[in-house]
Structures are given as C-alpha cells and as structure tokens.
Amino acid sequence: MNRHRKISLLAVAIATAGTVAYAAQGGMENDALSVIRAKIPLTQAVAVAEQHANGKASRAEYENSTLGWGYDVEVVSGAKVFDVKVDAVKGSVISSSEDSVEHDDAHDKKD
C-alpha cells in the first residue's frame, strides 16, 4: 500500500513539473498579458462591431478562439442580438452571427 502511495505522489510531481515547464516556455499565456499584441484598443473594436451590427454593445472581451486572438463583442440591435468577432490586429470584422436572446455567455463558447 505504501508503494502505491509513493508511485502516485511521484506521478503527481512529474505532472506538475511538466505543466510548470510548459507554462514557462510560453505554452500557456495569461489573457491579460496577451492583449499587448492587439494593434487596436477595445474601444475601437466596440465601435467597429456597433457600426457593423447597427446597434449598441452590451458586452465585449478579448479572447482566444479558433480564429486566434480577437475581440468578441455582443451587440444589441432592436430586438436582435449579434455576436461580432473583431480582428485585434486589423480591426476588421472576422465574423458576425445573430445570437438568441436566451443564450448565456457559456453558450457563446462554441468556437
């Protein structure tokens, strides 16, 4: 029984060391620090999204998706809600889709 415990502790130590080494090499990046690479500010991304969807932004965030780092802006236009993705380097709209009013933020994580 003592032998299994030592093996388990060793496995946890190896896994932890591997994760720390991966993070130190830049494999994991802090979201707050990654915004430094954005060429346009959040305010400009919001303005682009509002103009594209002809509405007002209700939520905006800087996030990493399958399309790379960019801004995800939720825009309300009349009775419709749009999820507008703005390129953080070019400032152009990458994608825009109508979102259901009943969707929550967890449902938006489909990319």
PDB file of N, CA and C in Angstrom:
ATOM      1  N   MET A   1       0.818  -1.185   0.000  1.00  0.00           N
ATOM      2  CA  MET A   1       0.000   0.000   0.000  1.00  0.00           C
ATOM      3  C   MET A   1       0.874   1.266   0.000  1.00  0.00           C
ATOM      4  N   ASN A   2       1.939   1.250   0.762  1.00  0.00           N
ATOM      5  CA  ASN A   2       2.852   2.371   0.836  1.00  0.00           C
ATOM      6  C   ASN A   2       3.522   2.608  -0.525  1.00  0.00           C
ATOM      7  N   ARG A   3       3.809   1.532  -1.239  1.00  0.00           N
ATOM      8  CA  ARG A   3       4.449   1.635  -2.554  1.00  0.00           C
ATOM      9  C   ARG A   3       3.534   2.365  -3.547  1.00  0.00           C
ATOM     10  N   HIS A   4       2.236   2.059  -3.541  1.00  0.00           N
ATOM     11  CA  HIS A   4       1.283   2.719  -4.438  1.00  0.00           C
ATOM     12  C   HIS A   4       1.175   4.208  -4.143  1.00  0.00           C
ATOM     13  N   ARG A   5       1.256   4.536  -2.865  1.00  0.00           N
ATOM     14  CA  ARG A   5       1.175   5.933  -2.474  1.00  0.00           C
ATOM     15  C   ARG A   5       2.390   6.703  -2.989  1.00  0.00           C
ATOM     16  N   LYS A   6       3.572   6.104  -2.884  1.00  0.00           N
ATOM     17  CA  LYS A   6       4.796   6.748  -3.372  1.00  0.00           C
ATOM     18  C   LYS A   6       4.742   6.918  -4.882  1.00  0.00           C
ATOM     19  N   ILE A   7       4.246   5.922  -5.592  1.00  0.00           N
ATOM     20  CA  ILE A   7       4.140   6.000  -7.054  1.00  0.00           C
ATOM     21  C   ILE A   7       3.155   7.095  -7.446  1.00  0.00           C
ATOM     22  N   SER A   8       2.040   7.182  -6.736  1.00  0.00           N
ATOM     23  CA  SER A   8       1.043   8.221  -7.008  1.00  0.00           C
ATOM     24  C   SER A   8       1.614   9.609  -6.784  1.00  0.00           C
ATOM     25  N   LEU A   9       2.328   9.786  -5.682  1.00  0.00           N
ATOM     26  CA  LEU A   9       2.939  11.084  -5.391  1.00  0.00           C
ATOM     27  C   LEU A   9       3.988  11.446  -6.434  1.00  0.00           C
ATOM     28  N   LEU A  10       4.744  10.462  -6.880  1.00  0.00           N
ATOM     29  CA  LEU A  10       5.739  10.699  -7.915  1.00  0.00           C
ATOM     30  C   LEU A  10       5.070  11.115  -9.225  1.00  0.00           C
ATOM     31  N   ALA A  11       3.984  10.464  -9.576  1.00  0.00           N
ATOM     32  CA  ALA A  11       3.256  10.799 -10.799  1.00  0.00           C
ATOM     33  C   ALA A  11       2.712  12.224 -10.733  1.00  0.00           C
ATOM     34  N   VAL A  12       2.180  12.619  -9.601  1.00  0.00           N
ATOM     35  CA  VAL A  12       1.670  13.984  -9.425  1.00  0.00           C
ATOM     36  C   VAL A  12       2.812  14.987  -9.537  1.00  0.00           C
ATOM     37  N   ALA A  13       3.942  14.692  -8.942  1.00  0.00           N
ATOM     38  CA  ALA A  13       5.094  15.598  -9.007  1.00  0.00           C
ATOM     39  C   ALA A  13       5.589  15.767 -10.439  1.00  0.00           C
ATOM     40  N   ILE A  14       5.635  14.688 -11.190  1.00  0.00           N
ATOM     41  CA  ILE A  14       6.088  14.746 -12.586  1.00  0.00           C
ATOM     42  C   ILE A  14       5.102  15.562 -13.424  1.00  0.00           C
ATOM     43  N   ALA A  15       3.810  15.318 -13.234  1.00  0.00           N
ATOM     44  CA  ALA A  15       2.794  16.053 -13.989  1.00  0.00           C
ATOM     45  C   ALA A  15       2.847  17.547 -13.671  1.00  0.00           C
ATOM     46  N   THR A  16       3.020  17.881 -12.411  1.00  0.00           N
ATOM     47  CA  THR A  16       3.100  19.283 -12.005  1.00  0.00           C
ATOM     48  C   THR A  16       4.340  19.949 -12.597  1.00  0.00           C
ATOM     49  N   ALA A  17       5.459  19.266 -12.552  1.00  0.00           N
ATOM     50  CA  ALA A  17       6.701  19.819 -13.107  1.00  0.00           C
ATOM     51  C   ALA A  17       6.558  20.033 -14.612  1.00  0.00           C
ATOM     52  N   GLY A  18       5.911  19.114 -15.288  1.00  0.00           N
ATOM     53  CA  GLY A  18       5.697  19.256 -16.728  1.00  0.00           C
ATOM     54  C   GLY A  18       4.819  20.442 -17.063  1.00  0.00           C
ATOM     55  N   THR A  19       3.778  20.661 -16.292  1.00  0.00           N
ATOM     56  CA  THR A  19       2.888  21.797 -16.505  1.00  0.00           C
ATOM     57  C   THR A  19       3.615  23.111 -16.275  1.00  0.00           C
ATOM     58  N   VAL A  20       4.399  23.179 -15.223  1.00  0.00           N
ATOM     59  CA  VAL A  20       5.157  24.394 -14.924  1.00  0.00           C
ATOM     60  C   VAL A  20       6.174  24.675 -16.034  1.00  0.00           C
ATOM     61  N   ALA A  21       6.860  23.648 -16.503  1.00  0.00           N
ATOM     62  CA  ALA A  21       7.838  23.822 -17.583  1.00  0.00           C
ATOM     63  C   ALA A  21       7.162  24.286 -18.864  1.00  0.00           C
ATOM     64  N   TYR A  22       5.992  23.731 -19.165  1.00  0.00           N
ATOM     65  CA  TYR A  22       5.231  24.121 -20.360  1.00  0.00           C
ATOM     66  C   TYR A  22       4.824  25.586 -20.275  1.00  0.00           C
ATOM     67  N   ALA A  23       4.347  26.002 -19.116  1.00  0.00           N
ATOM     68  CA  ALA A  23       3.932  27.387 -18.920  1.00  0.00           C
ATOM     69  C   ALA A  23       5.129  28.324 -19.024  1.00  0.00           C
ATOM     70  N   ALA A  24       6.267  27.920 -18.489  1.00  0.00           N
ATOM     71  CA  ALA A  24       7.469  28.760 -18.529  1.00  0.00           C
ATOM     72  C   ALA A  24       7.981  28.945 -19.949  1.00  0.00           C
ATOM     73  N   GLN A  25       7.730  27.982 -20.820  1.00  0.00           N
ATOM     74  CA  GLN A  25       8.165  28.085 -22.210  1.00  0.00           C
ATOM     75  C   GLN A  25       7.214  28.926 -23.049  1.00  0.00           C
ATOM     76  N   GLY A  26       6.138  29.402 -22.462  1.00  0.00           N
ATOM     77  CA  GLY A  26       5.204  30.240 -23.205  1.00  0.00           C
ATOM     78  C   GLY A  26       4.054  29.448 -23.785  1.00  0.00           C
ATOM     79  N   GLY A  27       3.901  28.205 -23.426  1.00  0.00           N
ATOM     80  CA  GLY A  27       2.799  27.401 -23.933  1.00  0.00           C
ATOM     81  C   GLY A  27       1.462  27.893 -23.435  1.00  0.00           C
ATOM     82  N   MET A  28       1.440  28.387 -22.218  1.00  0.00           N
ATOM     83  CA  MET A  28       0.228  28.981 -21.674  1.00  0.00           C
ATOM     84  C   MET A  28       0.468  30.471 -21.554  1.00  0.00           C
ATOM     85  N   GLU A  29      -0.513  31.232 -21.954  1.00  0.00           N
ATOM     86  CA  GLU A  29      -0.318  32.666 -21.919  1.00  0.00           C
ATOM     87  C   GLU A  29      -1.427  33.310 -21.110  1.00  0.00           C
ATOM     88  N   ASN A  30      -1.072  34.228 -20.273  1.00  0.00           N
ATOM     89  CA  ASN A  30      -2.029  34.967 -19.482  1.00  0.00           C
ATOM     90  C   ASN A  30      -2.826  35.868 -20.422  1.00  0.00           C
ATOM     91  N   ASP A  31      -4.155  35.788 -20.359  1.00  0.00           N
ATOM     92  CA  ASP A  31      -5.006  36.604 -21.222  1.00  0.00           C
ATOM     93  C   ASP A  31      -4.712  38.087 -21.076  1.00  0.00           C
ATOM     94  N   ALA A  32      -4.484  38.533 -19.856  1.00  0.00           N
ATOM     95  CA  ALA A  32      -4.232  39.945 -19.617  1.00  0.00           C
ATOM     96  C   ALA A  32      -2.954  40.402 -20.309  1.00  0.00           C
ATOM     97  N   LEU A  33      -1.949  39.560 -20.334  1.00  0.00           N
ATOM     98  CA  LEU A  33      -0.693  39.933 -20.990  1.00  0.00           C
ATOM     99  C   LEU A  33      -0.777  39.826 -22.506  1.00  0.00           C
ATOM    100  N   SER A  34      -1.621  38.946 -23.021  1.00  0.00           N
ATOM    101  CA  SER A  34      -1.719  38.760 -24.467  1.00  0.00           C
ATOM    102  C   SER A  34      -2.320  39.972 -25.162  1.00  0.00           C
ATOM    103  N   VAL A  35      -3.067  40.797 -24.460  1.00  0.00           N
ATOM    104  CA  VAL A  35      -3.690  41.973 -25.069  1.00  0.00           C
ATOM    105  C   VAL A  35      -2.636  42.973 -25.552  1.00  0.00           C
ATOM    106  N   ILE A  36      -1.426  42.846 -25.076  1.00  0.00           N
ATOM    107  CA  ILE A  36      -0.338  43.738 -25.511  1.00  0.00           C
ATOM    108  C   ILE A  36      -0.120  43.629 -27.020  1.00  0.00           C
ATOM    109  N   ARG A  37      -0.361  42.440 -27.585  1.00  0.00           N
ATOM    110  CA  ARG A  37      -0.166  42.234 -29.028  1.00  0.00           C
ATOM    111  C   ARG A  37      -1.279  42.820 -29.890  1.00  0.00           C
ATOM    112  N   ALA A  38      -2.387  43.192 -29.273  1.00  0.00           N
ATOM    113  CA  ALA A  38      -3.509  43.759 -30.024  1.00  0.00           C
ATOM    114  C   ALA A  38      -3.101  45.111 -30.595  1.00  0.00           C
ATOM    115  N   LYS A  39      -3.341  45.303 -31.865  1.00  0.00           N
ATOM    116  CA  LYS A  39      -2.980  46.572 -32.513  1.00  0.00           C
ATOM    117  C   LYS A  39      -4.063  47.627 -32.335  1.00  0.00           C
ATOM    118  N   ILE A  40      -5.301  47.186 -32.081  1.00  0.00           N
ATOM    119  CA  ILE A  40      -6.382  48.145 -31.863  1.00  0.00           C
ATOM    120  C   ILE A  40      -6.908  47.992 -30.436  1.00  0.00           C
ATOM    121  N   PRO A  41      -7.350  49.082 -29.834  1.00  0.00           N
ATOM    122  CA  PRO A  41      -7.882  49.003 -28.472  1.00  0.00           C
ATOM    123  C   PRO A  41      -9.309  48.455 -28.468  1.00  0.00           C
ATOM    124  N   LEU A  42      -9.752  48.037 -27.305  1.00  0.00           N
ATOM    125  CA  LEU A  42     -11.098  47.509 -27.131  1.00  0.00           C
ATOM    126  C   LEU A  42     -12.153  48.517 -27.581  1.00  0.00           C
ATOM    127  N   THR A  43     -11.939  49.780 -27.290  1.00  0.00           N
ATOM    128  CA  THR A  43     -12.927  50.807 -27.657  1.00  0.00           C
ATOM    129  C   THR A  43     -13.133  50.881 -29.167  1.00  0.00           C
ATOM    130  N   GLN A  44     -12.054  50.716 -29.934  1.00  0.00           N
ATOM    131  CA  GLN A  44     -12.166  50.736 -31.394  1.00  0.00           C
ATOM    132  C   GLN A  44     -12.890  49.484 -31.886  1.00  0.00           C
ATOM    133  N   ALA A  45     -12.606  48.333 -31.278  1.00  0.00           N
ATOM    134  CA  ALA A  45     -13.284  47.092 -31.657  1.00  0.00           C
ATOM    135  C   ALA A  45     -14.788  47.196 -31.394  1.00  0.00           C
ATOM    136  N   VAL A  46     -15.151  47.814 -30.277  1.00  0.00           N
ATOM    137  CA  VAL A  46     -16.565  48.007 -29.958  1.00  0.00           C
ATOM    138  C   VAL A  46     -17.220  48.909 -31.002  1.00  0.00           C
ATOM    139  N   ALA A  47     -16.557  49.986 -31.380  1.00  0.00           N
ATOM    140  CA  ALA A  47     -17.107  50.903 -32.382  1.00  0.00           C
ATOM    141  C   ALA A  47     -17.307  50.196 -33.723  1.00  0.00           C
ATOM    142  N   VAL A  48     -16.349  49.371 -34.131  1.00  0.00           N
ATOM    143  CA  VAL A  48     -16.452  48.615 -35.389  1.00  0.00           C
ATOM    144  C   VAL A  48     -17.636  47.659 -35.331  1.00  0.00           C
ATOM    145  N   ALA A  49     -17.779  46.952 -34.210  1.00  0.00           N
ATOM    146  CA  ALA A  49     -18.874  45.989 -34.055  1.00  0.00           C
ATOM    147  C   ALA A  49     -20.233  46.685 -34.027  1.00  0.00           C
ATOM    148  N   GLU A  50     -20.321  47.813 -33.327  1.00  0.00           N
ATOM    149  CA  GLU A  50     -21.582  48.557 -33.260  1.00  0.00           C
ATOM    150  C   GLU A  50     -21.992  49.057 -34.640  1.00  0.00           C
ATOM    151  N   GLN A  51     -21.034  49.544 -35.404  1.00  0.00           N
ATOM    152  CA  GLN A  51     -21.335  50.022 -36.748  1.00  0.00           C
ATOM    153  C   GLN A  51     -21.748  48.862 -37.650  1.00  0.00           C
ATOM    154  N   HIS A  52     -21.062  47.733 -37.525  1.00  0.00           N
ATOM    155  CA  HIS A  52     -21.365  46.562 -38.357  1.00  0.00           C
ATOM    156  C   HIS A  52     -22.783  46.044 -38.103  1.00  0.00           C
ATOM    157  N   ALA A  53     -23.174  45.963 -36.824  1.00  0.00           N
ATOM    158  CA  ALA A  53     -24.483  45.401 -36.476  1.00  0.00           C
ATOM    159  C   ALA A  53     -25.554  46.473 -36.296  1.00  0.00           C
ATOM    160  N   ASN A  54     -25.182  47.733 -36.471  1.00  0.00           N
ATOM    161  CA  ASN A  54     -26.115  48.844 -36.331  1.00  0.00           C
ATOM    162  C   ASN A  54     -26.831  48.798 -34.978  1.00  0.00           C
ATOM    163  N   GLY A  55     -26.035  48.766 -33.911  1.00  0.00           N
ATOM    164  CA  GLY A  55     -26.616  48.685 -32.578  1.00  0.00           C
ATOM    165  C   GLY A  55     -25.658  49.175 -31.511  1.00  0.00           C
ATOM    166  N   LYS A  56     -25.922  48.757 -30.283  1.00  0.00           N
ATOM    167  CA  LYS A  56     -25.100  49.148 -29.133  1.00  0.00           C
ATOM    168  C   LYS A  56     -24.499  47.907 -28.486  1.00  0.00           C
ATOM    169  N   ALA A  57     -23.239  47.980 -28.114  1.00  0.00           N
ATOM    170  CA  ALA A  57     -22.557  46.860 -27.473  1.00  0.00           C
ATOM    171  C   ALA A  57     -23.072  46.680 -26.050  1.00  0.00           C
ATOM    172  N   SER A  58     -23.294  45.428 -25.681  1.00  0.00           N
ATOM    173  CA  SER A  58     -23.716  45.133 -24.312  1.00  0.00           C
ATOM    174  C   SER A  58     -22.642  44.378 -23.545  1.00  0.00           C
ATOM    175  N   ARG A  59     -21.670  43.831 -24.286  1.00  0.00           N
ATOM    176  CA  ARG A  59     -20.585  43.072 -23.661  1.00  0.00           C
ATOM    177  C   ARG A  59     -19.435  43.001 -24.658  1.00  0.00           C
ATOM    178  N   ALA A  60     -18.215  43.058 -24.155  1.00  0.00           N
ATOM    179  CA  ALA A  60     -17.051  42.918 -25.029  1.00  0.00           C
ATOM    180  C   ALA A  60     -15.915  42.305 -24.235  1.00  0.00           C
ATOM    181  N   GLU A  61     -15.153  41.434 -24.900  1.00  0.00           N
ATOM    182  CA  GLU A  61     -13.999  40.830 -24.239  1.00  0.00           C
ATOM    183  C   GLU A  61     -12.938  40.447 -25.260  1.00  0.00           C
ATOM    184  N   TYR A  62     -11.733  40.358 -24.766  1.00  0.00           N
ATOM    185  CA  TYR A  62     -10.592  39.936 -25.567  1.00  0.00           C
ATOM    186  C   TYR A  62     -10.394  38.461 -25.291  1.00  0.00           C
ATOM    187  N   GLU A  63     -10.404  37.644 -26.340  1.00  0.00           N
ATOM    188  CA  GLU A  63     -10.336  36.206 -26.110  1.00  0.00           C
ATOM    189  C   GLU A  63      -9.599  35.480 -27.222  1.00  0.00           C
ATOM    190  N   ASN A  64      -9.201  34.279 -26.909  1.00  0.00           N
ATOM    191  CA  ASN A  64      -8.541  33.409 -27.870  1.00  0.00           C
ATOM    192  C   ASN A  64      -9.559  32.392 -28.369  1.00  0.00           C
ATOM    193  N   SER A  65      -9.695  32.280 -29.680  1.00  0.00           N
ATOM    194  CA  SER A  65     -10.618  31.318 -30.272  1.00  0.00           C
ATOM    195  C   SER A  65      -9.889  30.563 -31.367  1.00  0.00           C
ATOM    196  N   THR A  66     -10.616  29.769 -32.105  1.00  0.00           N
ATOM    197  CA  THR A  66     -10.003  29.032 -33.216  1.00  0.00           C
ATOM    198  C   THR A  66      -9.515  29.980 -34.296  1.00  0.00           C
ATOM    199  N   LEU A  67     -10.016  31.199 -34.297  1.00  0.00           N
ATOM    200  CA  LEU A  67      -9.600  32.210 -35.274  1.00  0.00           C
ATOM    201  C   LEU A  67      -8.399  33.008 -34.788  1.00  0.00           C
ATOM    202  N   GLY A  68      -7.947  32.739 -33.571  1.00  0.00           N
ATOM    203  CA  GLY A  68      -6.829  33.475 -32.979  1.00  0.00           C
ATOM    204  C   GLY A  68      -7.342  34.501 -31.985  1.00  0.00           C
ATOM    205  N   TRP A  69      -6.438  35.346 -31.477  1.00  0.00           N
ATOM    206  CA  TRP A  69      -6.812  36.360 -30.506  1.00  0.00           C
ATOM    207  C   TRP A  69      -7.620  37.455 -31.185  1.00  0.00           C
ATOM    208  N   GLY A  70      -8.688  37.853 -30.531  1.00  0.00           N
ATOM    209  CA  GLY A  70      -9.529  38.915 -31.075  1.00  0.00           C
ATOM    210  C   GLY A  70     -10.547  39.364 -30.048  1.00  0.00           C
ATOM    211  N   TYR A  71     -11.392  40.268 -30.471  1.00  0.00           N
ATOM    212  CA  TYR A  71     -12.436  40.798 -29.602  1.00  0.00           C
ATOM    213  C   TYR A  71     -13.763  40.131 -29.937  1.00  0.00           C
ATOM    214  N   ASP A  72     -14.496  39.754 -28.917  1.00  0.00           N
ATOM    215  CA  ASP A  72     -15.833  39.196 -29.065  1.00  0.00           C
ATOM    216  C   ASP A  72     -16.782  40.234 -28.485  1.00  0.00           C
ATOM    217  N   VAL A  73     -17.607  40.821 -29.350  1.00  0.00           N
ATOM    218  CA  VAL A  73     -18.486  41.905 -28.923  1.00  0.00           C
ATOM    219  C   VAL A  73     -19.935  41.488 -29.155  1.00  0.00           C
ATOM    220  N   GLU A  74     -20.742  41.596 -28.117  1.00  0.00           N
ATOM    221  CA  GLU A  74     -22.170  41.313 -28.233  1.00  0.00           C
ATOM    222  C   GLU A  74     -22.873  42.637 -28.465  1.00  0.00           C
ATOM    223  N   VAL A  75     -23.623  42.728 -29.577  1.00  0.00           N
ATOM    224  CA  VAL A  75     -24.266  43.973 -29.961  1.00  0.00           C
ATOM    225  C   VAL A  75     -25.781  43.766 -30.034  1.00  0.00           C
ATOM    226  N   VAL A  76     -26.516  44.668 -29.391  1.00  0.00           N
ATOM    227  CA  VAL A  76     -27.979  44.628 -29.421  1.00  0.00           C
ATOM    228  C   VAL A  76     -28.450  45.637 -30.460  1.00  0.00           C
ATOM    229  N   SER A  77     -29.248  45.133 -31.409  1.00  0.00           N
ATOM    230  CA  SER A  77     -29.804  45.973 -32.462  1.00  0.00           C
ATOM    231  C   SER A  77     -31.303  45.706 -32.523  1.00  0.00           C
ATOM    232  N   GLY A  78     -32.081  46.619 -31.975  1.00  0.00           N
ATOM    233  CA  GLY A  78     -33.528  46.404 -31.904  1.00  0.00           C
ATOM    234  C   GLY A  78     -33.816  45.225 -30.989  1.00  0.00           C
ATOM    235  N   ALA A  79     -34.540  44.231 -31.518  1.00  0.00           N
ATOM    236  CA  ALA A  79     -34.856  43.029 -30.747  1.00  0.00           C
ATOM    237  C   ALA A  79     -33.867  41.907 -31.012  1.00  0.00           C
ATOM    238  N   LYS A  80     -32.828  42.185 -31.791  1.00  0.00           N
ATOM    239  CA  LYS A  80     -31.849  41.162 -32.147  1.00  0.00           C
ATOM    240  C   LYS A  80     -30.532  41.376 -31.408  1.00  0.00           C
ATOM    241  N   VAL A  81     -29.830  40.272 -31.185  1.00  0.00           N
ATOM    242  CA  VAL A  81     -28.512  40.307 -30.542  1.00  0.00           C
ATOM    243  C   VAL A  81     -27.524  39.645 -31.493  1.00  0.00           C
ATOM    244  N   PHE A  82     -26.409  40.308 -31.733  1.00  0.00           N
ATOM    245  CA  PHE A  82     -25.386  39.786 -32.633  1.00  0.00           C
ATOM    246  C   PHE A  82     -24.094  39.530 -31.880  1.00  0.00           C
ATOM    247  N   ASP A  83     -23.430  38.454 -32.231  1.00  0.00           N
ATOM    248  CA  ASP A  83     -22.114  38.130 -31.691  1.00  0.00           C
ATOM    249  C   ASP A  83     -21.118  38.487 -32.789  1.00  0.00           C
ATOM    250  N   VAL A  84     -20.388  39.574 -32.601  1.00  0.00           N
ATOM    251  CA  VAL A  84     -19.473  40.085 -33.627  1.00  0.00           C
ATOM    252  C   VAL A  84     -18.037  39.866 -33.168  1.00  0.00           C
ATOM    253  N   LYS A  85     -17.242  39.206 -33.997  1.00  0.00           N
ATOM    254  CA  LYS A  85     -15.829  38.970 -33.700  1.00  0.00           C
ATOM    255  C   LYS A  85     -15.003  39.946 -34.536  1.00  0.00           C
ATOM    256  N   VAL A  86     -14.118  40.678 -33.852  1.00  0.00           N
ATOM    257  CA  VAL A  86     -13.297  41.699 -34.493  1.00  0.00           C
ATOM    258  C   VAL A  86     -11.827  41.316 -34.369  1.00  0.00           C
ATOM    259  N   ASP A  87     -11.118  41.354 -35.492  1.00  0.00           N
ATOM    260  CA  ASP A  87      -9.688  41.044 -35.519  1.00  0.00           C
ATOM    261  C   ASP A  87      -8.939  42.088 -34.706  1.00  0.00           C
ATOM    262  N   ALA A  88      -8.102  41.640 -33.776  1.00  0.00           N
ATOM    263  CA  ALA A  88      -7.391  42.543 -32.873  1.00  0.00           C
ATOM    264  C   ALA A  88      -6.202  43.230 -33.532  1.00  0.00           C
ATOM    265  N   VAL A  89      -5.796  42.760 -34.692  1.00  0.00           N
ATOM    266  CA  VAL A  89      -4.668  43.367 -35.386  1.00  0.00           C
ATOM    267  C   VAL A  89      -5.153  44.305 -36.493  1.00  0.00           C
ATOM    268  N   LYS A  90      -6.102  43.838 -37.309  1.00  0.00           N
ATOM    269  CA  LYS A  90      -6.579  44.620 -38.449  1.00  0.00           C
ATOM    270  C   LYS A  90      -7.749  45.534 -38.116  1.00  0.00           C
ATOM    271  N   GLY A  91      -8.515  45.192 -37.078  1.00  0.00           N
ATOM    272  CA  GLY A  91      -9.675  45.993 -36.725  1.00  0.00           C
ATOM    273  C   GLY A  91     -10.878  45.726 -37.611  1.00  0.00           C
ATOM    274  N   SER A  92     -10.849  44.616 -38.332  1.00  0.00           N
ATOM    275  CA  SER A  92     -11.962  44.276 -39.227  1.00  0.00           C
ATOM    276  C   SER A  92     -12.826  43.184 -38.602  1.00  0.00           C
ATOM    277  N   VAL A  93     -14.063  43.097 -39.079  1.00  0.00           N
ATOM    278  CA  VAL A  93     -14.986  42.076 -38.599  1.00  0.00           C
ATOM    279  C   VAL A  93     -14.581  40.731 -39.185  1.00  0.00           C
ATOM    280  N   ILE A  94     -14.355  39.762 -38.323  1.00  0.00           N
ATOM    281  CA  ILE A  94     -13.998  38.408 -38.749  1.00  0.00           C
ATOM    282  C   ILE A  94     -15.261  37.604 -39.021  1.00  0.00           C
ATOM    283  N   SER A  95     -16.226  37.722 -38.101  1.00  0.00           N
ATOM    284  CA  SER A  95     -17.494  37.005 -38.264  1.00  0.00           C
ATOM    285  C   SER A  95     -18.568  37.730 -37.475  1.00  0.00           C
ATOM    286  N   SER A  96     -19.801  37.471 -37.877  1.00  0.00           N
ATOM    287  CA  SER A  96     -20.943  38.049 -37.197  1.00  0.00           C
ATOM    288  C   SER A  96     -22.101  37.079 -37.330  1.00  0.00           C
ATOM    289  N   SER A  97     -22.750  36.804 -36.216  1.00  0.00           N
ATOM    290  CA  SER A  97     -23.890  35.902 -36.266  1.00  0.00           C
ATOM    291  C   SER A  97     -24.953  36.379 -35.295  1.00  0.00           C
ATOM    292  N   GLU A  98     -26.203  36.138 -35.680  1.00  0.00           N
ATOM    293  CA  GLU A  98     -27.296  36.512 -34.789  1.00  0.00           C
ATOM    294  C   GLU A  98     -27.344  35.518 -33.656  1.00  0.00           C
ATOM    295  N   ASP A  99     -27.471  36.031 -32.469  1.00  0.00           N
ATOM    296  CA  ASP A  99     -27.489  35.216 -31.260  1.00  0.00           C
ATOM    297  C   ASP A  99     -28.900  35.224 -30.701  1.00  0.00           C
ATOM    298  N   SER A 100     -29.296  34.150 -30.101  1.00  0.00           N
ATOM    299  CA  SER A 100     -30.599  34.095 -29.458  1.00  0.00           C
ATOM    300  C   SER A 100     -30.541  34.907 -28.174  1.00  0.00           C
ATOM    301  N   VAL A 101     -31.597  35.617 -27.857  1.00  0.00           N
ATOM    302  CA  VAL A 101     -31.651  36.436 -26.649  1.00  0.00           C
ATOM    303  C   VAL A 101     -31.534  35.561 -25.410  1.00  0.00           C
ATOM    304  N   GLU A 102     -31.978  34.291 -25.493  1.00  0.00           N
ATOM    305  CA  GLU A 102     -31.949  33.392 -24.344  1.00  0.00           C
ATOM    306  C   GLU A 102     -30.571  32.808 -24.074  1.00  0.00           C
ATOM    307  N   HIS A 103     -29.618  32.939 -24.994  1.00  0.00           N
ATOM    308  CA  HIS A 103     -28.288  32.357 -24.788  1.00  0.00           C
ATOM    309  C   HIS A 103     -27.563  33.069 -23.673  1.00  0.00           C
ATOM    310  N   ASP A 104     -26.773  32.294 -22.930  1.00  0.00           N
ATOM    311  CA  ASP A 104     -25.917  32.886 -21.912  1.00  0.00           C
ATOM    312  C   ASP A 104     -24.484  32.861 -22.409  1.00  0.00           C
ATOM    313  N   ASP A 105     -23.573  33.440 -21.653  1.00  0.00           N
ATOM    314  CA  ASP A 105     -22.171  33.516 -22.075  1.00  0.00           C
ATOM    315  C   ASP A 105     -21.546  32.147 -22.279  1.00  0.00           C
ATOM    316  N   ALA A 106     -21.925  31.161 -21.486  1.00  0.00           N
ATOM    317  CA  ALA A 106     -21.347  29.818 -21.615  1.00  0.00           C
ATOM    318  C   ALA A 106     -21.700  29.222 -22.963  1.00  0.00           C
ATOM    319  N   HIS A 107     -22.868  29.564 -23.494  1.00  0.00           N
ATOM    320  CA  HIS A 107     -23.287  29.012 -24.786  1.00  0.00           C
ATOM    321  C   HIS A 107     -22.498  29.643 -25.940  1.00  0.00           C
ATOM    322  N   ASP A 108     -22.003  30.859 -25.731  1.00  0.00           N
ATOM    323  CA  ASP A 108     -21.250  31.555 -26.776  1.00  0.00           C
ATOM    324  C   ASP A 108     -19.891  30.919 -27.048  1.00  0.00           C
ATOM    325  N   LYS A 109     -19.410  30.046 -26.193  1.00  0.00           N
ATOM    326  CA  LYS A 109     -18.079  29.455 -26.321  1.00  0.00           C
ATOM    327  C   LYS A 109     -18.079  28.288 -27.296  1.00  0.00           C
ATOM    328  N   LYS A 110     -18.678  28.454 -28.468  1.00  0.00           N
ATOM    329  CA  LYS A 110     -18.751  27.371 -29.421  1.00  0.00           C
ATOM    330  C   LYS A 110     -17.593  27.359 -30.414  1.00  0.00           C
ATOM    331  N   ASP A 111     -16.734  28.366 -30.386  1.00  0.00           N
ATOM    332  CA  ASP A 111     -15.599  28.399 -31.304  1.00  0.00           C
ATOM    333  C   ASP A 111     -14.403  28.028 -30.583  1.00  0.00           C
TER     334      ASP A 111
END
